[in-house]
PDB file of N, CA and C in Angstrom:
ATOM      1  N   MET A   1      -4.588 -19.295 -20.248  1.00  0.00           N
ATOM      2  CA  MET A   1      -5.500 -19.875 -19.913  1.00  0.00           C
ATOM      3  C   MET A   1      -5.428 -21.026 -19.738  1.00  0.00           C
ATOM      4  N   LYS A   2      -6.128 -21.870 -18.950  1.00  0.00           N
ATOM      5  CA  LYS A   2      -5.930 -23.129 -18.619  1.00  0.00           C
ATOM      6  C   LYS A   2      -6.990 -23.816 -19.493  1.00  0.00           C
ATOM      7  N   ILE A   3      -6.637 -24.886 -20.560  1.00  0.00           N
ATOM      8  CA  ILE A   3      -7.828 -25.284 -20.763  1.00  0.00           C
ATOM      9  C   ILE A   3      -7.933 -27.068 -20.851  1.00  0.00           C
ATOM     10  N   TYR A   4      -8.344 -27.677 -21.230  1.00  0.00           N
ATOM     11  CA  TYR A   4      -8.625 -29.287 -21.154  1.00  0.00           C
ATOM     12  C   TYR A   4      -8.748 -29.693 -22.639  1.00  0.00           C
ATOM     13  N   MET A   5      -8.300 -31.268 -22.418  1.00  0.00           N
ATOM     14  CA  MET A   5      -8.975 -32.121 -23.693  1.00  0.00           C
ATOM     15  C   MET A   5      -9.243 -33.315 -23.272  1.00  0.00           C
ATOM     16  N   TYR A   6     -10.596 -33.656 -23.095  1.00  0.00           N
ATOM     17  CA  TYR A   6     -10.809 -35.139 -22.207  1.00  0.00           C
ATOM     18  C   TYR A   6     -11.561 -35.719 -23.014  1.00  0.00           C
ATOM     19  N   VAL A   7     -11.384 -36.966 -22.847  1.00  0.00           N
ATOM     20  CA  VAL A   7     -12.046 -38.364 -23.600  1.00  0.00           C
ATOM     21  C   VAL A   7     -13.394 -37.866 -23.468  1.00  0.00           C
ATOM     22  N   ASP A   8     -14.149 -37.841 -24.285  1.00  0.00           N
ATOM     23  CA  ASP A   8     -15.870 -37.701 -24.136  1.00  0.00           C
ATOM     24  C   ASP A   8     -16.476 -38.917 -23.845  1.00  0.00           C
ATOM     25  N   ASN A   9     -17.231 -39.216 -22.340  1.00  0.00           N
ATOM     26  CA  ASN A   9     -17.396 -40.367 -21.933  1.00  0.00           C
ATOM     27  C   ASN A   9     -16.274 -41.464 -21.944  1.00  0.00           C
ATOM     28  N   PRO A  10     -15.626 -41.353 -21.320  1.00  0.00           N
ATOM     29  CA  PRO A  10     -14.614 -42.586 -21.748  1.00  0.00           C
ATOM     30  C   PRO A  10     -14.853 -44.084 -21.261  1.00  0.00           C
ATOM     31  N   ASP A  11     -15.584 -44.389 -22.135  1.00  0.00           N
ATOM     32  CA  ASP A  11     -16.530 -45.933 -22.096  1.00  0.00           C
ATOM     33  C   ASP A  11     -15.870 -46.724 -23.196  1.00  0.00           C
ATOM     34  N   LEU A  12     -14.359 -47.057 -22.943  1.00  0.00           N
ATOM     35  CA  LEU A  12     -13.559 -47.466 -23.979  1.00  0.00           C
ATOM     36  C   LEU A  12     -13.776 -49.158 -23.993  1.00  0.00           C
ATOM     37  N   GLY A  13     -14.168 -49.690 -23.593  1.00  0.00           N
ATOM     38  CA  GLY A  13     -13.927 -51.202 -23.222  1.00  0.00           C
ATOM     39  C   GLY A  13     -12.313 -51.568 -23.102  1.00  0.00           C
ATOM     40  N   GLU A  14     -12.657 -52.772 -24.180  1.00  0.00           N
ATOM     41  CA  GLU A  14     -10.898 -53.348 -23.789  1.00  0.00           C
ATOM     42  C   GLU A  14      -9.933 -52.297 -24.121  1.00  0.00           C
ATOM     43  N   ASN A  15      -9.802 -51.303 -24.918  1.00  0.00           N
ATOM     44  CA  ASN A  15      -9.231 -50.058 -25.222  1.00  0.00           C
ATOM     45  C   ASN A  15      -8.577 -49.194 -23.841  1.00  0.00           C
ATOM     46  N   GLU A  16      -9.384 -49.262 -23.204  1.00  0.00           N
ATOM     47  CA  GLU A  16      -9.584 -48.522 -21.601  1.00  0.00           C
ATOM     48  C   GLU A  16      -7.727 -48.457 -21.221  1.00  0.00           C
ATOM     49  N   GLN A  17      -7.087 -49.311 -21.383  1.00  0.00           N
ATOM     50  CA  GLN A  17      -5.995 -49.580 -20.731  1.00  0.00           C
ATOM     51  C   GLN A  17      -5.224 -48.762 -21.668  1.00  0.00           C
ATOM     52  N   ALA A  18      -5.436 -49.303 -23.096  1.00  0.00           N
ATOM     53  CA  ALA A  18      -4.253 -48.346 -24.253  1.00  0.00           C
ATOM     54  C   ALA A  18      -4.524 -47.129 -24.123  1.00  0.00           C
ATOM     55  N   MET A  19      -5.621 -46.339 -24.065  1.00  0.00           N
ATOM     56  CA  MET A  19      -5.675 -45.248 -24.142  1.00  0.00           C
ATOM     57  C   MET A  19      -5.377 -44.367 -22.759  1.00  0.00           C
ATOM     58  N   VAL A  20      -5.013 -44.848 -21.967  1.00  0.00           N
ATOM     59  CA  VAL A  20      -4.796 -44.519 -20.856  1.00  0.00           C
ATOM     60  C   VAL A  20      -2.707 -44.116 -20.725  1.00  0.00           C
ATOM     61  N   ASP A  21      -2.631 -45.253 -21.469  1.00  0.00           N
ATOM     62  CA  ASP A  21      -0.882 -44.923 -21.706  1.00  0.00           C
ATOM     63  C   ASP A  21      -0.824 -44.261 -22.846  1.00  0.00           C
ATOM     64  N   ALA A  22      -1.281 -44.272 -24.057  1.00  0.00           N
ATOM     65  CA  ALA A  22      -1.483 -43.520 -25.110  1.00  0.00           C
ATOM     66  C   ALA A  22      -1.202 -41.446 -24.355  1.00  0.00           C
ATOM     67  N   ILE A  23      -2.573 -41.545 -23.939  1.00  0.00           N
ATOM     68  CA  ILE A  23      -2.529 -39.952 -23.009  1.00  0.00           C
ATOM     69  C   ILE A  23      -0.925 -39.750 -22.192  1.00  0.00           C
ATOM     70  N   ALA A  24      -0.925 -40.705 -21.204  1.00  0.00           N
ATOM     71  CA  ALA A  24       0.555 -40.150 -20.157  1.00  0.00           C
ATOM     72  C   ALA A  24       1.699 -40.379 -20.875  1.00  0.00           C
ATOM     73  N   GLN A  25       1.658 -41.219 -22.484  1.00  0.00           N
ATOM     74  CA  GLN A  25       3.463 -41.367 -22.950  1.00  0.00           C
ATOM     75  C   GLN A  25       2.972 -39.599 -23.675  1.00  0.00           C
ATOM     76  N   TRP A  26       2.333 -39.500 -24.068  1.00  0.00           N
ATOM     77  CA  TRP A  26       1.727 -38.309 -25.403  1.00  0.00           C
ATOM     78  C   TRP A  26       2.531 -36.828 -23.893  1.00  0.00           C
ATOM     79  N   VAL A  27       2.111 -37.008 -22.717  1.00  0.00           N
ATOM     80  CA  VAL A  27       2.465 -35.937 -21.645  1.00  0.00           C
ATOM     81  C   VAL A  27       3.649 -36.303 -21.166  1.00  0.00           C
ATOM     82  N   GLY A  28       4.400 -36.871 -21.237  1.00  0.00           N
ATOM     83  CA  GLY A  28       5.874 -37.330 -20.563  1.00  0.00           C
ATOM     84  C   GLY A  28       6.719 -37.308 -22.087  1.00  0.00           C
ATOM     85  N   GLU A  29       6.237 -37.129 -23.243  1.00  0.00           N
ATOM     86  CA  GLU A  29       7.218 -36.876 -24.273  1.00  0.00           C
ATOM     87  C   GLU A  29       7.967 -35.797 -24.915  1.00  0.00           C
ATOM     88  N   ASP A  30       7.845 -34.701 -23.607  1.00  0.00           N
ATOM     89  CA  ASP A  30       8.621 -33.513 -23.990  1.00  0.00           C
ATOM     90  C   ASP A  30       7.008 -32.341 -24.090  1.00  0.00           C
ATOM     91  N   ASN A  31       6.177 -32.502 -23.178  1.00  0.00           N
ATOM     92  CA  ASN A  31       4.976 -31.615 -23.296  1.00  0.00           C
ATOM     93  C   ASN A  31       4.772 -31.046 -21.875  1.00  0.00           C
ATOM     94  N   PRO A  32       5.995 -30.302 -21.485  1.00  0.00           N
ATOM     95  CA  PRO A  32       5.879 -29.628 -20.270  1.00  0.00           C
ATOM     96  C   PRO A  32       4.860 -29.130 -19.357  1.00  0.00           C
ATOM     97  N   HIS A  33       4.254 -28.265 -20.526  1.00  0.00           N
ATOM     98  CA  HIS A  33       2.995 -27.296 -20.277  1.00  0.00           C
ATOM     99  C   HIS A  33       1.710 -28.604 -20.299  1.00  0.00           C
ATOM    100  N   ALA A  34       1.805 -29.442 -20.616  1.00  0.00           N
ATOM    101  CA  ALA A  34       0.670 -30.372 -20.076  1.00  0.00           C
ATOM    102  C   ALA A  34       0.494 -31.284 -19.284  1.00  0.00           C
ATOM    103  N   LYS A  35      -0.433 -31.593 -18.663  1.00  0.00           N
ATOM    104  CA  LYS A  35      -0.519 -32.498 -17.349  1.00  0.00           C
ATOM    105  C   LYS A  35      -1.839 -33.391 -17.643  1.00  0.00           C
ATOM    106  N   PHE A  36      -1.633 -35.018 -17.420  1.00  0.00           N
ATOM    107  CA  PHE A  36      -1.981 -35.850 -17.568  1.00  0.00           C
ATOM    108  C   PHE A  36      -3.170 -36.064 -16.342  1.00  0.00           C
ATOM    109  N   ILE A  37      -4.546 -36.265 -16.689  1.00  0.00           N
ATOM    110  CA  ILE A  37      -5.552 -36.410 -16.034  1.00  0.00           C
ATOM    111  C   ILE A  37      -6.205 -37.574 -15.902  1.00  0.00           C
ATOM    112  N   ASN A  38      -6.368 -38.177 -14.998  1.00  0.00           N
ATOM    113  CA  ASN A  38      -6.641 -39.614 -15.122  1.00  0.00           C
ATOM    114  C   ASN A  38      -7.588 -40.046 -13.566  1.00  0.00           C
ATOM    115  N   ALA A  39      -8.558 -39.036 -13.471  1.00  0.00           N
ATOM    116  CA  ALA A  39      -9.354 -38.830 -12.056  1.00  0.00           C
ATOM    117  C   ALA A  39     -10.679 -39.797 -12.009  1.00  0.00           C
ATOM    118  N   ARG A  40     -10.849 -40.618 -11.168  1.00  0.00           N
ATOM    119  CA  ARG A  40     -11.991 -41.286 -10.872  1.00  0.00           C
ATOM    120  C   ARG A  40     -12.891 -41.084  -9.784  1.00  0.00           C
ATOM    121  N   ASP A  41     -13.120 -40.034  -9.938  1.00  0.00           N
ATOM    122  CA  ASP A  41     -13.976 -39.195  -8.583  1.00  0.00           C
ATOM    123  C   ASP A  41     -15.622 -39.424  -8.928  1.00  0.00           C
ATOM    124  N   ASP A  42     -16.329 -38.497  -9.530  1.00  0.00           N
ATOM    125  CA  ASP A  42     -17.847 -39.388  -9.432  1.00  0.00           C
ATOM    126  C   ASP A  42     -18.058 -39.615 -10.568  1.00  0.00           C
ATOM    127  N   GLU A  43     -17.517 -39.242 -11.748  1.00  0.00           N
ATOM    128  CA  GLU A  43     -17.034 -39.709 -13.213  1.00  0.00           C
ATOM    129  C   GLU A  43     -15.731 -39.483 -13.353  1.00  0.00           C
ATOM    130  N   TRP A  44     -15.575 -40.709 -14.391  1.00  0.00           N
ATOM    131  CA  TRP A  44     -14.227 -40.610 -14.796  1.00  0.00           C
ATOM    132  C   TRP A  44     -13.746 -39.772 -15.417  1.00  0.00           C
ATOM    133  N   THR A  45     -12.610 -38.962 -15.449  1.00  0.00           N
ATOM    134  CA  THR A  45     -12.027 -37.755 -16.618  1.00  0.00           C
ATOM    135  C   THR A  45     -10.516 -38.503 -16.856  1.00  0.00           C
ATOM    136  N   LEU A  46     -10.826 -38.828 -18.035  1.00  0.00           N
ATOM    137  CA  LEU A  46      -9.224 -38.821 -19.118  1.00  0.00           C
ATOM    138  C   LEU A  46      -8.911 -38.200 -19.756  1.00  0.00           C
ATOM    139  N   GLY A  47      -7.957 -37.404 -19.374  1.00  0.00           N
ATOM    140  CA  GLY A  47      -6.996 -36.194 -21.156  1.00  0.00           C
ATOM    141  C   GLY A  47      -6.216 -35.608 -20.608  1.00  0.00           C
ATOM    142  N   ILE A  48      -6.120 -34.573 -20.859  1.00  0.00           N
ATOM    143  CA  ILE A  48      -5.057 -33.843 -20.862  1.00  0.00           C
ATOM    144  C   ILE A  48      -5.694 -32.093 -20.078  1.00  0.00           C
ATOM    145  N   GLU A  49      -4.599 -31.569 -19.385  1.00  0.00           N
ATOM    146  CA  GLU A  49      -4.747 -29.548 -19.399  1.00  0.00           C
ATOM    147  C   GLU A  49      -3.522 -28.805 -19.592  1.00  0.00           C
ATOM    148  N   LEU A  50      -3.696 -28.036 -20.161  1.00  0.00           N
ATOM    149  CA  LEU A  50      -2.647 -27.067 -20.644  1.00  0.00           C
ATOM    150  C   LEU A  50      -2.327 -25.392 -20.179  1.00  0.00           C
ATOM    151  N   GLU A  51      -1.972 -25.654 -20.188  1.00  0.00           N
ATOM    152  CA  GLU A  51      -1.427 -23.456 -19.568  1.00  0.00           C
ATOM    153  C   GLU A  51      -1.072 -23.251 -21.087  1.00  0.00           C
ATOM    154  N   MET A  52      -2.092 -22.535 -21.563  1.00  0.00           N
ATOM    155  CA  MET A  52      -1.325 -21.791 -23.168  1.00  0.00           C
ATOM    156  C   MET A  52      -2.079 -20.248 -23.033  1.00  0.00           C
ATOM    157  N   LYS A  53      -1.046 -19.616 -24.181  1.00  0.00           N
ATOM    158  CA  LYS A  53      -1.730 -17.919 -24.030  1.00  0.00           C
ATOM    159  C   LYS A  53      -2.106 -17.843 -25.521  1.00  0.00           C
ATOM    160  N   ASN A  54      -1.527 -18.565 -26.457  1.00  0.00           N
ATOM    161  CA  ASN A  54      -1.929 -18.351 -27.831  1.00  0.00           C
ATOM    162  C   ASN A  54      -2.540 -19.484 -28.394  1.00  0.00           C
ATOM    163  N   ARG A  55      -3.439 -19.372 -29.263  1.00  0.00           N
ATOM    164  CA  ARG A  55      -4.241 -20.386 -30.010  1.00  0.00           C
ATOM    165  C   ARG A  55      -2.928 -21.353 -31.103  1.00  0.00           C
ATOM    166  N   LYS A  56      -1.909 -20.451 -31.392  1.00  0.00           N
ATOM    167  CA  LYS A  56      -0.717 -21.521 -32.248  1.00  0.00           C
ATOM    168  C   LYS A  56      -0.308 -22.582 -30.965  1.00  0.00           C
ATOM    169  N   PHE A  57      -0.590 -22.640 -30.169  1.00  0.00           N
ATOM    170  CA  PHE A  57      -0.095 -23.890 -29.177  1.00  0.00           C
ATOM    171  C   PHE A  57      -1.054 -24.973 -29.265  1.00  0.00           C
ATOM    172  N   LEU A  58      -2.219 -24.553 -29.989  1.00  0.00           N
ATOM    173  CA  LEU A  58      -3.028 -25.671 -29.576  1.00  0.00           C
ATOM    174  C   LEU A  58      -2.996 -27.068 -30.610  1.00  0.00           C
ATOM    175  N   ALA A  59      -2.500 -26.626 -31.741  1.00  0.00           N
ATOM    176  CA  ALA A  59      -2.245 -27.384 -32.849  1.00  0.00           C
ATOM    177  C   ALA A  59      -1.671 -28.917 -32.491  1.00  0.00           C
ATOM    178  N   GLU A  60      -0.577 -28.614 -31.620  1.00  0.00           N
ATOM    179  CA  GLU A  60      -0.063 -30.281 -31.690  1.00  0.00           C
ATOM    180  C   GLU A  60      -0.835 -30.788 -30.547  1.00  0.00           C
ATOM    181  N   PRO A  61      -1.688 -30.333 -29.527  1.00  0.00           N
ATOM    182  CA  PRO A  61      -2.258 -31.270 -28.450  1.00  0.00           C
ATOM    183  C   PRO A  61      -3.425 -31.607 -29.274  1.00  0.00           C
ATOM    184  N   LEU A  62      -4.137 -30.528 -30.345  1.00  0.00           N
ATOM    185  CA  LEU A  62      -5.225 -31.255 -30.643  1.00  0.00           C
ATOM    186  C   LEU A  62      -5.103 -32.230 -31.435  1.00  0.00           C
ATOM    187  N   ASN A  63      -3.926 -32.497 -32.698  1.00  0.00           N
ATOM    188  CA  ASN A  63      -3.442 -33.347 -33.365  1.00  0.00           C
ATOM    189  C   ASN A  63      -3.261 -34.475 -32.692  1.00  0.00           C
ATOM    190  N   ALA A  64      -2.515 -34.873 -31.672  1.00  0.00           N
ATOM    191  CA  ALA A  64      -2.428 -35.797 -31.039  1.00  0.00           C
ATOM    192  C   ALA A  64      -3.486 -36.188 -30.293  1.00  0.00           C
ATOM    193  N   MET A  65      -4.498 -35.448 -30.152  1.00  0.00           N
ATOM    194  CA  MET A  65      -5.320 -36.257 -29.662  1.00  0.00           C
ATOM    195  C   MET A  65      -6.417 -36.317 -30.249  1.00  0.00           C
ATOM    196  N   HIS A  66      -6.418 -35.864 -31.563  1.00  0.00           N
ATOM    197  CA  HIS A  66      -7.121 -36.443 -32.080  1.00  0.00           C
ATOM    198  C   HIS A  66      -6.862 -37.707 -32.999  1.00  0.00           C
ATOM    199  N   LYS A  67      -5.803 -37.814 -32.996  1.00  0.00           N
ATOM    200  CA  LYS A  67      -5.502 -38.929 -33.643  1.00  0.00           C
ATOM    201  C   LYS A  67      -5.394 -40.421 -32.770  1.00  0.00           C
ATOM    202  N   LEU A  68      -5.591 -40.025 -30.881  1.00  0.00           N
ATOM    203  CA  LEU A  68      -6.296 -41.268 -30.267  1.00  0.00           C
ATOM    204  C   LEU A  68      -7.561 -41.484 -30.396  1.00  0.00           C
ATOM    205  N   ALA A  69      -8.141 -40.163 -30.885  1.00  0.00           N
ATOM    206  CA  ALA A  69      -9.799 -40.060 -31.139  1.00  0.00           C
ATOM    207  C   ALA A  69      -9.643 -41.102 -31.938  1.00  0.00           C
ATOM    208  N   LEU A  70      -9.215 -40.996 -33.126  1.00  0.00           N
ATOM    209  CA  LEU A  70      -9.646 -41.962 -34.799  1.00  0.00           C
ATOM    210  C   LEU A  70      -9.168 -43.079 -33.771  1.00  0.00           C
ATOM    211  N   LYS A  71      -8.067 -43.612 -33.140  1.00  0.00           N
ATOM    212  CA  LYS A  71      -7.617 -45.061 -32.977  1.00  0.00           C
ATOM    213  C   LYS A  71      -8.834 -45.690 -32.040  1.00  0.00           C
ATOM    214  N   TYR A  72      -9.284 -44.671 -31.307  1.00  0.00           N
ATOM    215  CA  TYR A  72      -9.502 -45.979 -29.985  1.00  0.00           C
ATOM    216  C   TYR A  72     -11.320 -45.285 -30.180  1.00  0.00           C
ATOM    217  N   LYS A  73     -11.589 -44.934 -31.327  1.00  0.00           N
ATOM    218  CA  LYS A  73     -13.112 -44.486 -31.517  1.00  0.00           C
ATOM    219  C   LYS A  73     -13.886 -43.885 -30.780  1.00  0.00           C
ATOM    220  N   CYS A  74     -13.173 -42.693 -30.228  1.00  0.00           N
ATOM    221  CA  CYS A  74     -13.751 -42.101 -29.395  1.00  0.00           C
ATOM    222  C   CYS A  74     -13.898 -40.479 -29.991  1.00  0.00           C
ATOM    223  N   ASP A  75     -14.383 -39.951 -28.983  1.00  0.00           N
ATOM    224  CA  ASP A  75     -14.723 -37.996 -28.911  1.00  0.00           C
ATOM    225  C   ASP A  75     -13.964 -37.736 -27.980  1.00  0.00           C
ATOM    226  N   PHE A  76     -13.794 -36.466 -28.089  1.00  0.00           N
ATOM    227  CA  PHE A  76     -12.625 -35.911 -26.884  1.00  0.00           C
ATOM    228  C   PHE A  76     -13.663 -34.423 -26.704  1.00  0.00           C
ATOM    229  N   VAL A  77     -14.004 -33.611 -25.781  1.00  0.00           N
ATOM    230  CA  VAL A  77     -14.048 -32.340 -25.473  1.00  0.00           C
ATOM    231  C   VAL A  77     -13.373 -31.540 -25.488  1.00  0.00           C
ATOM    232  N   VAL A  78     -13.521 -30.324 -25.650  1.00  0.00           N
ATOM    233  CA  VAL A  78     -12.229 -29.247 -25.165  1.00  0.00           C
ATOM    234  C   VAL A  78     -12.881 -28.202 -24.538  1.00  0.00           C
ATOM    235  N   GLY A  79     -12.414 -27.493 -23.292  1.00  0.00           N
ATOM    236  CA  GLY A  79     -13.135 -26.742 -22.735  1.00  0.00           C
ATOM    237  C   GLY A  79     -11.727 -25.849 -21.900  1.00  0.00           C
ATOM    238  N   TYR A  80     -12.446 -24.694 -21.352  1.00  0.00           N
ATOM    239  CA  TYR A  80     -11.339 -24.302 -20.309  1.00  0.00           C
ATOM    240  C   TYR A  80     -11.695 -24.011 -18.668  1.00  0.00           C
ATOM    241  N   ILE A  81     -10.820 -24.018 -17.838  1.00  0.00           N
ATOM    242  CA  ILE A  81     -11.470 -24.082 -16.378  1.00  0.00           C
ATOM    243  C   ILE A  81     -10.833 -22.346 -16.228  1.00  0.00           C
ATOM    244  N   GLU A  82     -11.702 -22.039 -15.360  1.00  0.00           N
ATOM    245  CA  GLU A  82     -11.770 -20.909 -14.749  1.00  0.00           C
ATOM    246  C   GLU A  82     -12.125 -20.504 -13.590  1.00  0.00           C
ATOM    247  N   ASP A  83     -11.407 -19.861 -12.664  1.00  0.00           N
ATOM    248  CA  ASP A  83     -12.073 -20.021 -11.305  1.00  0.00           C
ATOM    249  C   ASP A  83     -12.341 -21.142 -10.817  1.00  0.00           C
ATOM    250  N   GLY A  84     -11.988 -22.545 -11.308  1.00  0.00           N
ATOM    251  CA  GLY A  84     -12.210 -23.641 -10.637  1.00  0.00           C
ATOM    252  C   GLY A  84     -13.256 -24.282 -11.539  1.00  0.00           C
ATOM    253  N   GLU A  85     -13.989 -23.868 -12.437  1.00  0.00           N
ATOM    254  CA  GLU A  85     -15.029 -24.178 -13.155  1.00  0.00           C
ATOM    255  C   GLU A  85     -14.844 -24.928 -14.456  1.00  0.00           C
ATOM    256  N   LYS A  86     -15.281 -25.797 -15.144  1.00  0.00           N
ATOM    257  CA  LYS A  86     -15.023 -25.941 -16.264  1.00  0.00           C
ATOM    258  C   LYS A  86     -16.402 -25.786 -17.247  1.00  0.00           C
ATOM    259  N   GLU A  87     -16.046 -25.173 -18.397  1.00  0.00           N
ATOM    260  CA  GLU A  87     -16.670 -25.215 -19.281  1.00  0.00           C
ATOM    261  C   GLU A  87     -16.589 -25.523 -20.688  1.00  0.00           C
ATOM    262  N   ASP A  88     -17.026 -26.560 -21.100  1.00  0.00           N
ATOM    263  CA  ASP A  88     -16.849 -27.099 -22.470  1.00  0.00           C
ATOM    264  C   ASP A  88     -17.449 -26.447 -23.721  1.00  0.00           C
ATOM    265  N   VAL A  89     -16.738 -26.506 -24.375  1.00  0.00           N
ATOM    266  CA  VAL A  89     -16.573 -25.376 -25.772  1.00  0.00           C
ATOM    267  C   VAL A  89     -16.844 -26.152 -26.960  1.00  0.00           C
ATOM    268  N   CYS A  90     -15.983 -27.066 -27.649  1.00  0.00           N
ATOM    269  CA  CYS A  90     -16.505 -27.824 -28.552  1.00  0.00           C
ATOM    270  C   CYS A  90     -15.943 -29.208 -28.621  1.00  0.00           C
ATOM    271  N   TYR A  91     -16.472 -30.372 -29.675  1.00  0.00           N
ATOM    272  CA  TYR A  91     -16.003 -31.979 -29.347  1.00  0.00           C
ATOM    273  C   TYR A  91     -15.220 -31.908 -30.829  1.00  0.00           C
ATOM    274  N   PHE A  92     -14.651 -32.984 -30.940  1.00  0.00           N
ATOM    275  CA  PHE A  92     -14.037 -33.256 -31.543  1.00  0.00           C
ATOM    276  C   PHE A  92     -13.867 -34.806 -31.896  1.00  0.00           C
ATOM    277  N   GLY A  93     -13.308 -35.742 -32.631  1.00  0.00           N
ATOM    278  CA  GLY A  93     -13.057 -37.040 -32.758  1.00  0.00           C
ATOM    279  C   GLY A  93     -13.836 -37.949 -33.311  1.00  0.00           C
ATOM    280  N   LYS A  94     -13.815 -38.863 -33.450  1.00  0.00           N
ATOM    281  CA  LYS A  94     -14.266 -40.179 -34.373  1.00  0.00           C
ATOM    282  C   LYS A  94     -15.870 -39.789 -34.833  1.00  0.00           C
ATOM    283  N   GLU A  95     -16.479 -39.477 -34.031  1.00  0.00           N
ATOM    284  CA  GLU A  95     -17.860 -38.584 -34.430  1.00  0.00           C
ATOM    285  C   GLU A  95     -18.184 -37.389 -35.045  1.00  0.00           C
ATOM    286  N   GLU A  96     -17.396 -36.507 -33.983  1.00  0.00           N
ATOM    287  CA  GLU A  96     -17.594 -35.089 -34.550  1.00  0.00           C
ATOM    288  C   GLU A  96     -16.178 -34.566 -35.295  1.00  0.00           C
ATOM    289  N   GLY A  97     -15.508 -35.554 -35.763  1.00  0.00           N
ATOM    290  CA  GLY A  97     -14.982 -35.112 -36.937  1.00  0.00           C
ATOM    291  C   GLY A  97     -13.440 -34.759 -36.267  1.00  0.00           C
ATOM    292  N   LYS A  98     -12.686 -33.628 -37.560  1.00  0.00           N
ATOM    293  CA  LYS A  98     -10.990 -32.610 -36.805  1.00  0.00           C
ATOM    294  C   LYS A  98     -12.262 -31.877 -36.247  1.00  0.00           C
ATOM    295  N   PRO A  99     -10.445 -31.387 -35.397  1.00  0.00           N
ATOM    296  CA  PRO A  99     -10.659 -30.168 -34.795  1.00  0.00           C
ATOM    297  C   PRO A  99     -10.252 -29.004 -35.583  1.00  0.00           C
ATOM    298  N   ASP A 100     -11.154 -28.085 -35.399  1.00  0.00           N
ATOM    299  CA  ASP A 100     -10.545 -26.824 -36.472  1.00  0.00           C
ATOM    300  C   ASP A 100      -9.974 -25.832 -35.572  1.00  0.00           C
ATOM    301  N   LEU A 101      -8.541 -25.403 -35.881  1.00  0.00           N
ATOM    302  CA  LEU A 101      -7.931 -24.816 -34.701  1.00  0.00           C
ATOM    303  C   LEU A 101      -8.102 -23.220 -34.217  1.00  0.00           C
ATOM    304  N   PHE A 102      -8.660 -22.504 -35.688  1.00  0.00           N
ATOM    305  CA  PHE A 102      -9.346 -21.124 -35.572  1.00  0.00           C
ATOM    306  C   PHE A 102     -10.503 -21.544 -34.487  1.00  0.00           C
ATOM    307  N   GLU A 103     -11.542 -22.140 -34.858  1.00  0.00           N
ATOM    308  CA  GLU A 103     -12.963 -22.273 -34.635  1.00  0.00           C
ATOM    309  C   GLU A 103     -12.476 -22.522 -32.927  1.00  0.00           C
ATOM    310  N   ILE A 104     -11.887 -23.441 -32.355  1.00  0.00           N
ATOM    311  CA  ILE A 104     -11.642 -23.611 -31.211  1.00  0.00           C
ATOM    312  C   ILE A 104     -10.858 -22.741 -30.756  1.00  0.00           C
ATOM    313  N   GLY A 105     -10.292 -22.019 -31.172  1.00  0.00           N
ATOM    314  CA  GLY A 105      -9.182 -20.575 -30.270  1.00  0.00           C
ATOM    315  C   GLY A 105      -9.851 -19.745 -30.257  1.00  0.00           C
ATOM    316  N   SER A 106     -11.056 -19.360 -31.041  1.00  0.00           N
ATOM    317  CA  SER A 106     -11.790 -18.402 -30.872  1.00  0.00           C
ATOM    318  C   SER A 106     -13.394 -18.844 -29.966  1.00  0.00           C
ATOM    319  N   TYR A 107     -13.730 -20.104 -29.541  1.00  0.00           N
ATOM    320  CA  TYR A 107     -14.539 -20.156 -28.582  1.00  0.00           C
ATOM    321  C   TYR A 107     -13.644 -20.136 -27.309  1.00  0.00           C
ATOM    322  N   LEU A 108     -12.289 -20.685 -27.082  1.00  0.00           N
ATOM    323  CA  LEU A 108     -11.525 -20.768 -25.835  1.00  0.00           C
ATOM    324  C   LEU A 108     -11.285 -18.822 -25.441  1.00  0.00           C
ATOM    325  N   GLY A 109     -11.571 -18.044 -26.459  1.00  0.00           N
ATOM    326  CA  GLY A 109     -11.165 -16.663 -26.435  1.00  0.00           C
ATOM    327  C   GLY A 109      -9.740 -15.963 -26.943  1.00  0.00           C
ATOM    328  N   PHE A 110      -9.244 -16.959 -27.601  1.00  0.00           N
ATOM    329  CA  PHE A 110      -7.988 -16.353 -28.348  1.00  0.00           C
ATOM    330  C   PHE A 110      -8.014 -15.835 -29.648  1.00  0.00           C
ATOM    331  N   GLY A 111      -7.954 -14.178 -29.793  1.00  0.00           N
ATOM    332  CA  GLY A 111      -8.682 -13.710 -30.751  1.00  0.00           C
ATOM    333  C   GLY A 111      -7.519 -13.717 -31.922  1.00  0.00           C
TER     334      GLY A 111
END
């Protein structure tokens, strides 16, 4: 399954470049299943996309993105991509709190 974790409404002000660099660094640190996303089409999309088959692999990226959300005072949205369509399933971060691995895994369809 292809999932994503994007910064929700990435209006980071002076922290914009620091957040871009931090996400890119995490992807480059030995995360071969993660893809760094920084697209400025109609709206700015910043975050990661991952291929995974099991909820247990959600823990590391969720924890890493949650730390960034707290540091840069923002929220992330988690969702999945199917047939080119994106479907948001859950939010976490500064306002939304710590991500719940079981809950997010269930929303994504990991039984």
